[in-house]
């Protein structure tokens, strides 16, 4: 009998990272990743360094600070 299973394997632990929905991260044709930030009434674009993608969440290793508001595209 075949029984489907799902496992989560942690390869390393990183304390200084932020996890956001995967749909909030954009990738350009060159493979660079960035996010849109809301700052008051303005929208700014910021490059980010991504890490592990798990389900619909993605790890941001650098480029964002805690408390910043990231704008996400609708699904």
Protein backbone atom coordinates (compact mmCIF):
# COMPACT_ATOMS: atom_id res chain seq x y z
CA UNK A 1 0.00 0.00 0.00
CA UNK A 2 1.31 3.47 -0.93
CA UNK A 3 0.81 6.11 1.74
CA UNK A 4 1.77 9.71 0.89
CA UNK A 5 3.97 11.44 3.44
CA UNK A 6 5.44 14.88 3.92
CA UNK A 7 8.68 15.61 5.78
CA UNK A 8 10.40 18.83 6.79
CA UNK A 9 14.18 18.67 6.90
CA UNK A 10 16.10 21.57 8.46
CA UNK A 11 19.57 21.79 6.96
CA UNK A 12 20.74 24.73 9.02
CA UNK A 13 19.37 27.23 11.49
CA UNK A 14 19.53 30.96 10.82
CA UNK A 15 18.51 33.35 13.54
CA UNK A 16 18.72 36.61 11.58
CA UNK A 17 16.11 35.99 8.91
CA UNK A 18 12.53 36.94 8.14
CA UNK A 19 9.90 34.67 6.58
CA UNK A 20 7.31 36.21 4.25
CA UNK A 21 4.77 34.82 1.75
CA UNK A 22 6.51 33.59 -1.42
CA UNK A 23 4.18 35.69 -3.58
CA UNK A 24 5.74 38.87 -2.12
CA UNK A 25 9.14 38.19 -3.74
CA UNK A 26 9.74 39.07 -7.40
CA UNK A 27 12.51 37.64 -9.57
CA UNK A 28 13.85 39.38 -12.67
CA UNK A 29 15.15 37.56 -15.77
CA UNK A 30 18.71 37.78 -14.39
CA UNK A 31 17.70 35.83 -11.26
CA UNK A 32 17.88 38.81 -8.89
CA UNK A 33 15.17 38.90 -6.23
CA UNK A 34 13.45 41.97 -4.83
CA UNK A 35 10.38 43.12 -2.90
CA UNK A 36 8.16 46.18 -2.94
CA UNK A 37 8.03 48.12 0.32
CA UNK A 38 5.35 50.54 1.44
CA UNK A 39 6.84 53.64 3.02
CA UNK A 40 4.12 56.16 3.81
CA UNK A 41 2.44 56.93 0.50
CA UNK A 42 5.44 55.75 -1.52
CA UNK A 43 6.42 52.36 -2.92
CA UNK A 44 10.11 51.48 -2.95
CA UNK A 45 11.87 48.49 -4.47
CA UNK A 46 14.52 46.67 -2.45
CA UNK A 47 16.80 43.79 -3.50
CA UNK A 48 16.73 40.86 -1.08
CA UNK A 49 18.76 37.70 -0.55
CA UNK A 50 16.43 34.72 -0.32
CA UNK A 51 16.99 31.38 1.38
CA UNK A 52 14.77 28.38 1.92
CA UNK A 53 11.39 28.15 0.16
CA UNK A 54 8.91 26.05 2.11
CA UNK A 55 5.34 25.59 0.92
CA UNK A 56 4.20 29.19 0.27
CA UNK A 57 6.73 30.91 2.56
CA UNK A 58 10.24 32.12 1.69
CA UNK A 59 13.15 33.01 3.94
CA UNK A 60 14.68 36.48 3.51
CA UNK A 61 18.30 36.35 4.68
CA UNK A 62 19.10 40.00 4.06
CA UNK A 63 17.57 43.15 2.61
CA UNK A 64 14.63 43.58 5.01
CA UNK A 65 14.37 44.87 8.53
CA UNK A 66 11.84 43.78 11.12
CA UNK A 67 8.73 45.98 10.99
CA UNK A 68 8.94 46.99 7.32
CA UNK A 69 5.74 46.60 5.29
CA UNK A 70 6.11 44.39 2.21
CA UNK A 71 3.53 44.65 -0.58
CA UNK A 72 2.44 41.32 -2.10
CA UNK A 73 0.80 40.54 -5.41
CA UNK A 74 -2.63 38.94 -5.36
CA UNK A 75 -2.96 35.30 -6.30
